[in-house]
N, C-alpha and C. Protein backbone atom coordinates (compact mmCIF):
# COMPACT_ATOMS: atom_id res chain seq x y z
N MET A 1 -48.23 -34.86 -27.85
CA MET A 1 -49.44 -35.28 -28.56
C MET A 1 -49.49 -34.57 -29.90
N THR A 2 -49.75 -35.34 -30.95
CA THR A 2 -49.84 -34.74 -32.29
C THR A 2 -51.15 -34.00 -32.42
N MET A 3 -51.15 -33.13 -33.43
CA MET A 3 -52.37 -32.35 -33.69
C MET A 3 -53.55 -33.28 -33.96
N ARG A 4 -53.33 -34.36 -34.71
CA ARG A 4 -54.42 -35.28 -35.08
C ARG A 4 -55.00 -35.95 -33.83
N LYS A 5 -54.12 -36.39 -32.89
CA LYS A 5 -54.58 -37.03 -31.66
C LYS A 5 -55.34 -36.05 -30.78
N ALA A 6 -54.86 -34.82 -30.74
CA ALA A 6 -55.53 -33.79 -29.94
C ALA A 6 -56.93 -33.53 -30.44
N ILE A 7 -57.07 -33.44 -31.75
CA ILE A 7 -58.40 -33.20 -32.35
C ILE A 7 -59.33 -34.38 -32.05
N ALA A 8 -58.79 -35.61 -32.16
CA ALA A 8 -59.60 -36.82 -31.88
C ALA A 8 -60.06 -36.84 -30.43
N ALA A 9 -59.12 -36.48 -29.51
CA ALA A 9 -59.46 -36.46 -28.09
C ALA A 9 -60.54 -35.44 -27.79
N MET A 10 -60.44 -34.27 -28.42
CA MET A 10 -61.45 -33.22 -28.22
C MET A 10 -62.80 -33.66 -28.77
N ALA A 11 -62.79 -34.36 -29.88
CA ALA A 11 -64.05 -34.84 -30.47
C ALA A 11 -64.73 -35.85 -29.55
N ILE A 12 -63.93 -36.76 -28.96
CA ILE A 12 -64.48 -37.77 -28.04
C ILE A 12 -65.06 -37.10 -26.81
N CYS A 13 -64.33 -36.12 -26.27
CA CYS A 13 -64.84 -35.37 -25.10
C CYS A 13 -66.16 -34.69 -25.42
N GLY A 14 -66.24 -34.15 -26.61
CA GLY A 14 -67.48 -33.47 -27.02
C GLY A 14 -68.64 -34.43 -27.10
N LEU A 15 -68.41 -35.64 -27.62
CA LEU A 15 -69.47 -36.65 -27.71
C LEU A 15 -69.93 -37.09 -26.32
N VAL A 16 -68.96 -37.30 -25.42
CA VAL A 16 -69.30 -37.71 -24.04
C VAL A 16 -70.13 -36.64 -23.37
N MET A 17 -69.75 -35.40 -23.50
CA MET A 17 -70.49 -34.29 -22.87
C MET A 17 -71.89 -34.19 -23.44
N ALA A 18 -72.01 -34.36 -24.76
CA ALA A 18 -73.33 -34.30 -25.39
C ALA A 18 -74.23 -35.41 -24.86
N GLY A 19 -73.62 -36.60 -24.67
CA GLY A 19 -74.39 -37.73 -24.12
C GLY A 19 -74.87 -37.46 -22.72
N VAL A 20 -73.98 -36.92 -21.87
CA VAL A 20 -74.35 -36.61 -20.49
C VAL A 20 -75.46 -35.57 -20.44
N VAL A 21 -75.32 -34.53 -21.25
CA VAL A 21 -76.34 -33.47 -21.30
C VAL A 21 -77.66 -34.05 -21.79
N GLY A 22 -77.56 -34.89 -22.83
CA GLY A 22 -78.78 -35.49 -23.39
C GLY A 22 -79.46 -36.39 -22.38
N LEU A 23 -78.67 -37.19 -21.64
CA LEU A 23 -79.22 -38.08 -20.62
C LEU A 23 -79.89 -37.27 -19.51
N GLY A 24 -79.20 -36.20 -19.11
CA GLY A 24 -79.79 -35.35 -18.07
C GLY A 24 -81.08 -34.72 -18.53
N SER A 25 -81.12 -34.32 -19.79
CA SER A 25 -82.33 -33.71 -20.35
C SER A 25 -83.47 -34.72 -20.41
N ALA A 26 -83.14 -35.98 -20.84
CA ALA A 26 -84.16 -37.02 -20.92
C ALA A 26 -84.71 -37.35 -19.54
N THR A 27 -83.82 -37.45 -18.55
CA THR A 27 -84.24 -37.74 -17.18
C THR A 27 -85.13 -36.62 -16.64
N ALA A 28 -84.77 -35.39 -16.93
CA ALA A 28 -85.57 -34.25 -16.49
C ALA A 28 -86.95 -34.28 -17.13
N GLN A 29 -87.00 -34.66 -18.40
CA GLN A 29 -88.29 -34.74 -19.10
C GLN A 29 -89.16 -35.84 -18.50
N GLN A 30 -88.53 -36.99 -18.17
CA GLN A 30 -89.28 -38.10 -17.56
C GLN A 30 -89.84 -37.68 -16.20
N GLU A 31 -89.02 -37.00 -15.41
CA GLU A 31 -89.47 -36.54 -14.09
C GLU A 31 -90.62 -35.54 -14.21
N LYS A 32 -90.52 -34.69 -15.21
CA LYS A 32 -91.57 -33.69 -15.44
C LYS A 32 -92.88 -34.37 -15.83
N ALA A 33 -92.78 -35.38 -16.71
CA ALA A 33 -93.97 -36.13 -17.14
C ALA A 33 -94.58 -36.89 -15.96
N LYS A 34 -93.73 -37.47 -15.12
CA LYS A 34 -94.19 -38.21 -13.94
C LYS A 34 -94.93 -37.29 -12.98
N ALA A 35 -94.38 -36.11 -12.76
CA ALA A 35 -95.01 -35.13 -11.87
C ALA A 35 -96.36 -34.68 -12.41
N LYS A 36 -96.43 -34.54 -13.74
CA LYS A 36 -97.68 -34.13 -14.37
C LYS A 36 -98.75 -35.20 -14.18
N ARG A 37 -98.37 -36.49 -14.38
CA ARG A 37 -99.32 -37.59 -14.19
C ARG A 37 -99.80 -37.64 -12.75
N LYS A 38 -98.86 -37.44 -11.82
CA LYS A 38 -99.21 -37.47 -10.39
C LYS A 38 -100.21 -36.37 -10.07
N GLY A 39 -100.01 -35.19 -10.66
CA GLY A 39 -100.93 -34.07 -10.45
C GLY A 39 -102.30 -34.36 -11.03
N GLU A 40 -102.33 -35.03 -12.18
CA GLU A 40 -103.61 -35.38 -12.82
C GLU A 40 -104.37 -36.38 -11.97
N PHE A 41 -103.64 -37.39 -11.42
CA PHE A 41 -104.30 -38.38 -10.57
C PHE A 41 -104.82 -37.74 -9.29
N ALA A 42 -104.08 -36.77 -8.78
CA ALA A 42 -104.49 -36.10 -7.54
C ALA A 42 -105.81 -35.35 -7.74
N LYS A 43 -106.07 -34.91 -8.98
CA LYS A 43 -107.31 -34.17 -9.27
C LYS A 43 -108.52 -35.10 -9.37
N LEU A 44 -108.27 -36.39 -9.62
CA LEU A 44 -109.38 -37.33 -9.77
C LEU A 44 -110.11 -37.51 -8.44
N LYS A 45 -111.41 -37.59 -8.52
CA LYS A 45 -112.21 -37.76 -7.31
C LYS A 45 -112.64 -39.22 -7.18
N VAL A 46 -111.67 -40.12 -7.19
CA VAL A 46 -111.93 -41.54 -7.07
C VAL A 46 -111.60 -41.99 -5.66
N LYS A 47 -112.59 -42.56 -5.00
CA LYS A 47 -112.38 -43.05 -3.64
C LYS A 47 -111.95 -44.52 -3.69
N PRO A 48 -111.20 -44.97 -2.71
CA PRO A 48 -110.83 -46.39 -2.67
C PRO A 48 -112.08 -47.26 -2.56
N VAL A 49 -112.02 -48.43 -3.16
CA VAL A 49 -113.15 -49.36 -3.10
C VAL A 49 -113.25 -49.94 -1.70
N THR A 50 -114.42 -49.84 -1.10
CA THR A 50 -114.64 -50.41 0.23
C THR A 50 -115.77 -51.43 0.25
N LYS A 51 -116.51 -51.53 -0.87
CA LYS A 51 -117.61 -52.48 -0.91
C LYS A 51 -117.80 -53.02 -2.32
N ALA A 52 -118.12 -54.31 -2.41
CA ALA A 52 -118.39 -54.94 -3.70
C ALA A 52 -119.62 -55.84 -3.56
N ILE A 53 -120.23 -56.17 -4.69
CA ILE A 53 -121.45 -56.99 -4.66
C ILE A 53 -121.50 -57.90 -5.87
N ALA A 54 -122.11 -59.06 -5.69
CA ALA A 54 -122.36 -59.99 -6.80
C ALA A 54 -123.81 -60.42 -6.73
N SER A 55 -124.53 -60.28 -7.83
CA SER A 55 -125.90 -60.79 -7.94
C SER A 55 -125.84 -62.16 -8.61
N LEU A 56 -126.32 -63.18 -7.92
CA LEU A 56 -126.23 -64.55 -8.43
C LEU A 56 -127.35 -64.85 -9.40
N ILE A 57 -126.98 -65.34 -10.58
CA ILE A 57 -127.94 -65.64 -11.65
C ILE A 57 -127.98 -67.16 -11.82
N PRO A 58 -129.18 -67.76 -11.88
CA PRO A 58 -129.28 -69.22 -12.01
C PRO A 58 -128.68 -69.72 -13.33
N THR A 59 -128.04 -70.88 -13.28
CA THR A 59 -127.61 -71.55 -14.50
C THR A 59 -128.82 -72.30 -15.08
N LYS A 60 -128.66 -72.88 -16.25
CA LYS A 60 -129.78 -73.54 -16.93
C LYS A 60 -130.35 -74.67 -16.07
N GLY A 61 -131.68 -74.66 -15.88
CA GLY A 61 -132.36 -75.68 -15.10
C GLY A 61 -132.32 -75.46 -13.60
N SER A 62 -131.72 -74.37 -13.16
CA SER A 62 -131.60 -74.07 -11.73
C SER A 62 -132.52 -72.92 -11.36
N ASP A 63 -132.97 -72.92 -10.11
CA ASP A 63 -133.76 -71.81 -9.57
C ASP A 63 -132.99 -71.03 -8.51
N VAL A 64 -131.71 -71.31 -8.39
CA VAL A 64 -130.90 -70.69 -7.34
C VAL A 64 -130.54 -69.26 -7.73
N LYS A 65 -130.78 -68.35 -6.80
CA LYS A 65 -130.43 -66.94 -7.03
C LYS A 65 -130.15 -66.28 -5.69
N GLY A 66 -129.60 -65.08 -5.74
CA GLY A 66 -129.33 -64.37 -4.50
C GLY A 66 -128.29 -63.29 -4.69
N TRP A 67 -127.66 -62.89 -3.61
CA TRP A 67 -126.64 -61.83 -3.65
C TRP A 67 -125.56 -62.10 -2.62
N VAL A 68 -124.40 -61.54 -2.89
CA VAL A 68 -123.27 -61.63 -1.97
C VAL A 68 -122.63 -60.24 -1.90
N THR A 69 -122.39 -59.74 -0.69
CA THR A 69 -121.68 -58.46 -0.55
C THR A 69 -120.34 -58.68 0.14
N PHE A 70 -119.40 -57.81 -0.21
CA PHE A 70 -118.06 -57.83 0.36
C PHE A 70 -117.78 -56.41 0.88
N THR A 71 -117.59 -56.27 2.17
CA THR A 71 -117.39 -54.95 2.77
C THR A 71 -116.07 -54.90 3.53
N ARG A 72 -115.20 -53.97 3.16
CA ARG A 72 -113.91 -53.85 3.84
C ARG A 72 -114.10 -53.23 5.21
N ILE A 73 -113.54 -53.90 6.22
CA ILE A 73 -113.54 -53.40 7.59
C ILE A 73 -112.12 -53.53 8.10
N ASP A 74 -111.42 -52.41 8.18
CA ASP A 74 -110.00 -52.40 8.58
C ASP A 74 -109.18 -53.28 7.62
N ASP A 75 -108.54 -54.33 8.17
CA ASP A 75 -107.66 -55.16 7.34
C ASP A 75 -108.33 -56.46 6.89
N ARG A 76 -109.65 -56.53 6.99
CA ARG A 76 -110.36 -57.73 6.57
C ARG A 76 -111.61 -57.34 5.79
N VAL A 77 -112.28 -58.34 5.23
CA VAL A 77 -113.50 -58.10 4.46
C VAL A 77 -114.62 -58.96 5.04
N GLU A 78 -115.75 -58.33 5.28
CA GLU A 78 -116.93 -59.07 5.74
C GLU A 78 -117.71 -59.53 4.51
N VAL A 79 -117.99 -60.84 4.47
CA VAL A 79 -118.75 -61.42 3.37
C VAL A 79 -120.14 -61.78 3.89
N ARG A 80 -121.18 -61.25 3.22
CA ARG A 80 -122.56 -61.57 3.58
C ARG A 80 -123.26 -62.13 2.35
N ALA A 81 -124.07 -63.14 2.54
CA ALA A 81 -124.79 -63.73 1.40
C ALA A 81 -126.18 -64.16 1.81
N GLU A 82 -127.11 -64.06 0.86
CA GLU A 82 -128.44 -64.65 1.02
C GLU A 82 -128.80 -65.29 -0.31
N ILE A 83 -129.05 -66.59 -0.28
CA ILE A 83 -129.25 -67.37 -1.50
C ILE A 83 -130.49 -68.24 -1.32
N SER A 84 -131.35 -68.26 -2.34
CA SER A 84 -132.58 -69.05 -2.28
C SER A 84 -132.64 -70.05 -3.43
N GLY A 85 -133.62 -70.98 -3.35
CA GLY A 85 -133.81 -71.97 -4.41
C GLY A 85 -132.95 -73.21 -4.27
N LEU A 86 -132.30 -73.37 -3.12
CA LEU A 86 -131.40 -74.50 -2.89
C LEU A 86 -132.13 -75.70 -2.29
N THR A 87 -131.57 -76.89 -2.45
CA THR A 87 -132.04 -78.04 -1.70
C THR A 87 -131.49 -77.92 -0.28
N PRO A 88 -132.20 -78.40 0.73
CA PRO A 88 -131.69 -78.29 2.10
C PRO A 88 -130.32 -78.97 2.26
N GLY A 89 -129.46 -78.34 3.04
CA GLY A 89 -128.13 -78.91 3.29
C GLY A 89 -127.01 -78.00 2.81
N ASP A 90 -125.81 -78.56 2.76
CA ASP A 90 -124.62 -77.80 2.41
C ASP A 90 -124.38 -77.73 0.90
N HIS A 91 -123.86 -76.58 0.48
CA HIS A 91 -123.52 -76.35 -0.93
C HIS A 91 -122.19 -75.60 -1.00
N GLY A 92 -121.29 -76.08 -1.86
CA GLY A 92 -120.01 -75.39 -2.04
C GLY A 92 -120.22 -73.96 -2.49
N PHE A 93 -119.40 -73.06 -1.95
CA PHE A 93 -119.56 -71.63 -2.18
C PHE A 93 -118.17 -71.03 -2.33
N HIS A 94 -117.85 -70.57 -3.56
CA HIS A 94 -116.47 -70.16 -3.84
C HIS A 94 -116.40 -68.94 -4.75
N ILE A 95 -115.23 -68.30 -4.72
CA ILE A 95 -114.90 -67.31 -5.75
C ILE A 95 -114.15 -68.05 -6.85
N HIS A 96 -114.56 -67.82 -8.09
CA HIS A 96 -113.92 -68.47 -9.24
C HIS A 96 -113.15 -67.44 -10.06
N GLU A 97 -112.32 -67.97 -10.97
CA GLU A 97 -111.37 -67.14 -11.73
C GLU A 97 -112.02 -66.02 -12.54
N TYR A 98 -113.13 -66.34 -13.22
CA TYR A 98 -113.68 -65.39 -14.19
C TYR A 98 -115.09 -64.95 -13.84
N GLY A 99 -115.35 -63.68 -14.04
CA GLY A 99 -116.68 -63.14 -13.81
C GLY A 99 -117.54 -63.27 -15.05
N VAL A 100 -117.78 -64.51 -15.46
CA VAL A 100 -118.53 -64.78 -16.69
C VAL A 100 -119.62 -65.80 -16.40
N TRP A 101 -120.86 -65.47 -16.75
CA TRP A 101 -121.97 -66.41 -16.60
C TRP A 101 -122.11 -67.22 -17.88
N SER A 102 -122.49 -68.47 -17.75
CA SER A 102 -122.83 -69.31 -18.90
C SER A 102 -123.90 -70.30 -18.45
N GLU A 103 -124.53 -70.99 -19.39
CA GLU A 103 -125.65 -71.88 -19.05
C GLU A 103 -125.28 -72.95 -18.04
N ASP A 104 -124.05 -73.47 -18.14
CA ASP A 104 -123.62 -74.50 -17.19
C ASP A 104 -122.68 -73.96 -16.11
N GLY A 105 -122.39 -72.67 -16.18
CA GLY A 105 -121.53 -72.04 -15.19
C GLY A 105 -120.04 -72.28 -15.38
N MET A 106 -119.67 -73.08 -16.38
CA MET A 106 -118.27 -73.45 -16.54
C MET A 106 -117.40 -72.31 -17.06
N ALA A 107 -118.01 -71.29 -17.64
CA ALA A 107 -117.23 -70.15 -18.15
C ALA A 107 -116.56 -69.36 -17.02
N SER A 108 -116.97 -69.62 -15.78
CA SER A 108 -116.35 -68.92 -14.64
C SER A 108 -115.01 -69.53 -14.25
N GLY A 109 -114.59 -70.60 -14.93
CA GLY A 109 -113.28 -71.20 -14.67
C GLY A 109 -113.21 -71.92 -13.34
N GLY A 110 -111.98 -72.18 -12.91
CA GLY A 110 -111.76 -72.88 -11.64
C GLY A 110 -111.76 -71.93 -10.47
N HIS A 111 -111.47 -72.48 -9.30
CA HIS A 111 -111.39 -71.64 -8.09
C HIS A 111 -110.33 -70.55 -8.28
N TYR A 112 -110.61 -69.38 -7.75
CA TYR A 112 -109.65 -68.28 -7.81
C TYR A 112 -108.51 -68.60 -6.85
N ASN A 113 -107.31 -68.81 -7.39
CA ASN A 113 -106.19 -69.29 -6.60
C ASN A 113 -104.88 -68.62 -7.04
N PRO A 114 -104.79 -67.30 -6.92
CA PRO A 114 -103.59 -66.59 -7.40
C PRO A 114 -102.32 -66.90 -6.61
N THR A 115 -102.47 -67.44 -5.41
CA THR A 115 -101.29 -67.74 -4.58
C THR A 115 -100.86 -69.20 -4.71
N ASP A 116 -101.52 -69.97 -5.59
CA ASP A 116 -101.15 -71.35 -5.89
C ASP A 116 -101.11 -72.23 -4.64
N MET A 117 -102.20 -72.19 -3.88
CA MET A 117 -102.33 -73.00 -2.67
C MET A 117 -103.25 -74.19 -2.93
N PRO A 118 -103.21 -75.21 -2.06
CA PRO A 118 -104.14 -76.34 -2.22
C PRO A 118 -105.56 -75.93 -1.82
N HIS A 119 -106.55 -76.64 -2.34
CA HIS A 119 -107.94 -76.39 -1.93
C HIS A 119 -108.14 -76.87 -0.50
N ALA A 120 -108.90 -76.10 0.28
CA ALA A 120 -109.17 -76.45 1.67
C ALA A 120 -110.39 -75.67 2.16
N GLY A 121 -110.70 -75.82 3.43
CA GLY A 121 -111.80 -75.08 4.03
C GLY A 121 -111.40 -73.64 4.30
N HIS A 122 -112.39 -72.82 4.59
CA HIS A 122 -112.15 -71.40 4.81
C HIS A 122 -111.22 -71.13 5.98
N ASP A 123 -111.24 -71.98 6.98
CA ASP A 123 -110.42 -71.74 8.18
C ASP A 123 -109.00 -72.28 8.07
N ALA A 124 -108.67 -72.94 6.96
CA ALA A 124 -107.33 -73.52 6.79
C ALA A 124 -106.29 -72.42 6.60
N GLU A 125 -105.09 -72.67 7.08
CA GLU A 125 -104.01 -71.69 6.95
C GLU A 125 -103.59 -71.52 5.48
N GLN A 126 -103.57 -72.64 4.75
CA GLN A 126 -103.23 -72.61 3.32
C GLN A 126 -104.45 -73.03 2.53
N ARG A 127 -104.92 -72.12 1.69
CA ARG A 127 -106.12 -72.38 0.90
C ARG A 127 -106.18 -71.41 -0.26
N HIS A 128 -107.12 -71.66 -1.17
CA HIS A 128 -107.36 -70.71 -2.26
C HIS A 128 -107.93 -69.42 -1.67
N VAL A 129 -107.64 -68.30 -2.31
CA VAL A 129 -108.30 -67.04 -1.93
C VAL A 129 -109.82 -67.22 -2.02
N GLY A 130 -110.26 -68.00 -3.01
CA GLY A 130 -111.70 -68.19 -3.24
C GLY A 130 -112.36 -69.28 -2.43
N ASP A 131 -111.66 -69.92 -1.50
CA ASP A 131 -112.25 -71.01 -0.71
C ASP A 131 -113.08 -70.45 0.45
N PHE A 132 -114.40 -70.49 0.28
CA PHE A 132 -115.30 -70.06 1.35
C PHE A 132 -116.03 -71.24 1.99
N GLY A 133 -115.70 -72.46 1.57
CA GLY A 133 -116.31 -73.63 2.18
C GLY A 133 -117.72 -73.88 1.69
N ASN A 134 -118.66 -74.01 2.63
CA ASN A 134 -120.05 -74.32 2.30
C ASN A 134 -121.00 -73.25 2.83
N ILE A 135 -122.12 -73.17 2.16
CA ILE A 135 -123.24 -72.37 2.64
C ILE A 135 -124.38 -73.35 2.89
N THR A 136 -125.11 -73.20 4.00
CA THR A 136 -126.09 -74.20 4.41
C THR A 136 -127.52 -73.69 4.24
N ALA A 137 -128.30 -74.42 3.46
CA ALA A 137 -129.71 -74.05 3.22
C ALA A 137 -130.61 -74.79 4.19
N GLY A 138 -131.62 -74.07 4.68
CA GLY A 138 -132.62 -74.68 5.55
C GLY A 138 -133.68 -75.41 4.75
N GLU A 139 -134.71 -75.86 5.42
CA GLU A 139 -135.80 -76.59 4.77
C GLU A 139 -136.52 -75.74 3.73
N ASN A 140 -136.46 -74.43 3.90
CA ASN A 140 -137.11 -73.51 2.94
C ASN A 140 -136.23 -73.21 1.72
N GLY A 141 -135.04 -73.82 1.68
CA GLY A 141 -134.16 -73.62 0.52
C GLY A 141 -133.36 -72.34 0.56
N VAL A 142 -133.41 -71.63 1.68
CA VAL A 142 -132.68 -70.36 1.80
C VAL A 142 -131.44 -70.54 2.67
N ALA A 143 -130.33 -69.98 2.20
CA ALA A 143 -129.09 -70.01 2.97
C ALA A 143 -128.61 -68.59 3.20
N THR A 144 -128.14 -68.33 4.40
CA THR A 144 -127.52 -67.03 4.70
C THR A 144 -126.12 -67.29 5.24
N LEU A 145 -125.26 -66.31 5.06
CA LEU A 145 -123.88 -66.46 5.49
C LEU A 145 -123.33 -65.11 5.91
N VAL A 146 -122.56 -65.11 7.00
CA VAL A 146 -121.77 -63.95 7.40
C VAL A 146 -120.42 -64.49 7.85
N LEU A 147 -119.36 -64.05 7.18
CA LEU A 147 -118.03 -64.46 7.61
C LEU A 147 -117.04 -63.33 7.34
N GLU A 148 -115.92 -63.38 8.04
CA GLU A 148 -114.85 -62.41 7.82
C GLU A 148 -113.67 -63.11 7.18
N ASP A 149 -113.02 -62.39 6.25
CA ASP A 149 -111.94 -62.99 5.49
C ASP A 149 -110.78 -62.01 5.38
N SER A 150 -109.56 -62.51 5.62
CA SER A 150 -108.39 -61.64 5.55
C SER A 150 -107.66 -61.76 4.22
N GLY A 151 -108.10 -62.68 3.35
CA GLY A 151 -107.43 -62.88 2.07
C GLY A 151 -108.04 -62.10 0.92
N VAL A 152 -109.30 -61.73 1.04
CA VAL A 152 -109.99 -60.99 -0.02
C VAL A 152 -109.47 -59.57 -0.09
N ARG A 153 -109.18 -59.10 -1.30
CA ARG A 153 -108.71 -57.74 -1.53
C ARG A 153 -109.48 -57.12 -2.68
N PHE A 154 -109.54 -55.78 -2.69
CA PHE A 154 -110.18 -55.04 -3.79
C PHE A 154 -109.13 -54.40 -4.70
N PHE A 155 -107.86 -54.70 -4.48
CA PHE A 155 -106.79 -54.13 -5.29
C PHE A 155 -105.62 -55.10 -5.28
N GLY A 156 -104.67 -54.90 -6.19
CA GLY A 156 -103.46 -55.71 -6.21
C GLY A 156 -103.64 -57.06 -6.88
N PRO A 157 -102.62 -57.91 -6.80
CA PRO A 157 -102.62 -59.18 -7.53
C PRO A 157 -103.64 -60.20 -7.04
N THR A 158 -104.21 -60.00 -5.84
CA THR A 158 -105.24 -60.93 -5.34
C THR A 158 -106.62 -60.29 -5.29
N SER A 159 -106.82 -59.22 -6.04
CA SER A 159 -108.12 -58.55 -6.06
C SER A 159 -109.21 -59.48 -6.57
N VAL A 160 -110.37 -59.43 -5.92
CA VAL A 160 -111.51 -60.26 -6.35
C VAL A 160 -112.45 -59.52 -7.29
N LEU A 161 -112.22 -58.24 -7.53
CA LEU A 161 -113.12 -57.48 -8.41
C LEU A 161 -113.08 -58.06 -9.82
N GLY A 162 -114.25 -58.26 -10.38
CA GLY A 162 -114.36 -58.84 -11.72
C GLY A 162 -114.33 -60.35 -11.74
N ARG A 163 -114.12 -60.99 -10.59
CA ARG A 163 -114.13 -62.44 -10.50
C ARG A 163 -115.56 -62.96 -10.34
N GLY A 164 -115.72 -64.28 -10.35
CA GLY A 164 -117.05 -64.87 -10.24
C GLY A 164 -117.30 -65.47 -8.87
N VAL A 165 -118.56 -65.47 -8.44
CA VAL A 165 -118.99 -66.20 -7.25
C VAL A 165 -119.87 -67.34 -7.73
N VAL A 166 -119.61 -68.54 -7.24
CA VAL A 166 -120.34 -69.73 -7.70
C VAL A 166 -120.93 -70.48 -6.51
N VAL A 167 -122.19 -70.90 -6.66
CA VAL A 167 -122.85 -71.79 -5.70
C VAL A 167 -122.98 -73.16 -6.37
N HIS A 168 -122.57 -74.20 -5.66
CA HIS A 168 -122.53 -75.55 -6.23
C HIS A 168 -123.70 -76.42 -5.78
N GLU A 169 -123.88 -77.48 -6.53
CA GLU A 169 -124.97 -78.44 -6.30
C GLU A 169 -124.77 -79.23 -5.00
N LYS A 170 -123.53 -79.63 -4.74
CA LYS A 170 -123.25 -80.49 -3.58
C LYS A 170 -122.37 -79.76 -2.56
N ALA A 171 -122.17 -80.45 -1.44
CA ALA A 171 -121.28 -79.90 -0.41
C ALA A 171 -119.83 -80.00 -0.85
N ASP A 172 -119.03 -79.03 -0.47
CA ASP A 172 -117.58 -79.06 -0.66
C ASP A 172 -117.01 -79.95 0.46
N ASP A 173 -116.26 -81.00 0.08
CA ASP A 173 -115.69 -81.89 1.11
C ASP A 173 -114.44 -81.29 1.76
N LEU A 174 -114.01 -80.11 1.27
CA LEU A 174 -112.91 -79.33 1.85
C LEU A 174 -111.54 -80.00 1.73
N LYS A 175 -111.44 -81.07 0.94
CA LYS A 175 -110.14 -81.74 0.81
C LYS A 175 -109.82 -82.22 -0.60
N SER A 176 -110.83 -82.63 -1.38
CA SER A 176 -110.55 -83.13 -2.73
C SER A 176 -109.96 -82.02 -3.58
N GLN A 177 -108.92 -82.35 -4.35
CA GLN A 177 -108.26 -81.37 -5.21
C GLN A 177 -108.77 -81.51 -6.65
N PRO A 178 -108.99 -80.41 -7.37
CA PRO A 178 -108.62 -79.05 -6.95
C PRO A 178 -109.77 -78.23 -6.39
N SER A 179 -111.00 -78.84 -6.25
CA SER A 179 -112.14 -77.97 -5.93
C SER A 179 -113.18 -78.56 -4.98
N GLY A 180 -112.84 -79.62 -4.24
CA GLY A 180 -113.75 -80.10 -3.20
C GLY A 180 -114.89 -80.97 -3.66
N ASP A 181 -114.90 -81.41 -4.95
CA ASP A 181 -115.93 -82.33 -5.46
C ASP A 181 -117.33 -81.83 -5.16
N ALA A 182 -117.56 -80.54 -5.42
CA ALA A 182 -118.84 -79.92 -5.06
C ALA A 182 -119.90 -80.00 -6.18
N GLY A 183 -119.56 -80.61 -7.28
CA GLY A 183 -120.58 -80.85 -8.31
C GLY A 183 -120.89 -79.66 -9.20
N ALA A 184 -122.08 -79.72 -9.82
CA ALA A 184 -122.50 -78.73 -10.82
C ALA A 184 -122.61 -77.33 -10.22
N ARG A 185 -122.65 -76.38 -11.12
CA ARG A 185 -122.74 -74.96 -10.71
C ARG A 185 -124.17 -74.49 -10.88
N LEU A 186 -124.79 -74.10 -9.78
CA LEU A 186 -126.21 -73.74 -9.79
C LEU A 186 -126.47 -72.26 -10.03
N ALA A 187 -125.52 -71.41 -9.70
CA ALA A 187 -125.66 -69.96 -9.90
C ALA A 187 -124.29 -69.33 -9.96
N VAL A 188 -124.20 -68.27 -10.75
CA VAL A 188 -122.94 -67.55 -10.91
C VAL A 188 -123.21 -66.05 -10.83
N GLY A 189 -122.33 -65.32 -10.14
CA GLY A 189 -122.43 -63.86 -10.08
C GLY A 189 -121.07 -63.25 -10.36
N VAL A 190 -121.09 -62.00 -10.77
CA VAL A 190 -119.86 -61.27 -11.06
C VAL A 190 -119.65 -60.23 -9.97
N ILE A 191 -118.46 -60.19 -9.39
CA ILE A 191 -118.16 -59.26 -8.31
C ILE A 191 -117.82 -57.88 -8.89
N GLY A 192 -118.63 -56.90 -8.55
CA GLY A 192 -118.42 -55.55 -9.04
C GLY A 192 -118.39 -54.53 -7.91
N VAL A 193 -117.89 -53.36 -8.19
CA VAL A 193 -117.82 -52.29 -7.20
C VAL A 193 -119.22 -51.85 -6.81
N ALA A 194 -119.47 -51.71 -5.51
CA ALA A 194 -120.78 -51.31 -5.01
C ALA A 194 -120.71 -49.93 -4.37
N ASN A 195 -121.86 -49.29 -4.29
CA ASN A 195 -121.97 -48.00 -3.61
C ASN A 195 -121.88 -48.23 -2.10
N PRO A 196 -120.85 -47.71 -1.44
CA PRO A 196 -120.69 -47.98 0.00
C PRO A 196 -121.79 -47.34 0.85
N GLU A 197 -122.53 -46.39 0.27
CA GLU A 197 -123.60 -45.70 1.01
C GLU A 197 -124.85 -46.57 1.12
N GLU A 198 -125.03 -47.52 0.18
CA GLU A 198 -126.23 -48.35 0.17
C GLU A 198 -126.09 -49.50 1.14
N LYS A 199 -127.17 -49.77 1.87
CA LYS A 199 -127.19 -50.88 2.83
C LYS A 199 -127.67 -52.14 2.16
């Protein structure tokens, strides 16, 4: 090997070693930063969300109002609702894409459907996450509901936090696509984190 080739080979070896050392140093710095973030999160006193609530606000020309609570129980969520100002009979009741109120309720978007399923009733195997079917009002215009749901989540890609709850003018026929032909939107609420201590 000539002197020139030897010098070139040594220079290449030096560059490779510098790269390896630099890579190791960068990886060590990343791990250190990750550990620091983990320690900071561990210090936070944030409890997992176990309860959420939506206060229903009437749309223009409507007297419908009420509340809906979502309470995590093991691997499912209990949904409770009390809604007044309705005409007697069935009314479509769903979670919608956006937690936004507007005069006609349309700002809440369509049914919340992150899993891209067809619209159906609450008991269907394939349905929107937001498909709760109907809520039934008595002669006094008040409807109450208690149901359990395994699709509702407070975290991850199917989280309902920040989404809208909508009560419709007509009954959901549970089959028409994409939303059951339930008519106008009478009230809209935004799902927010609730204090689990409050009843």
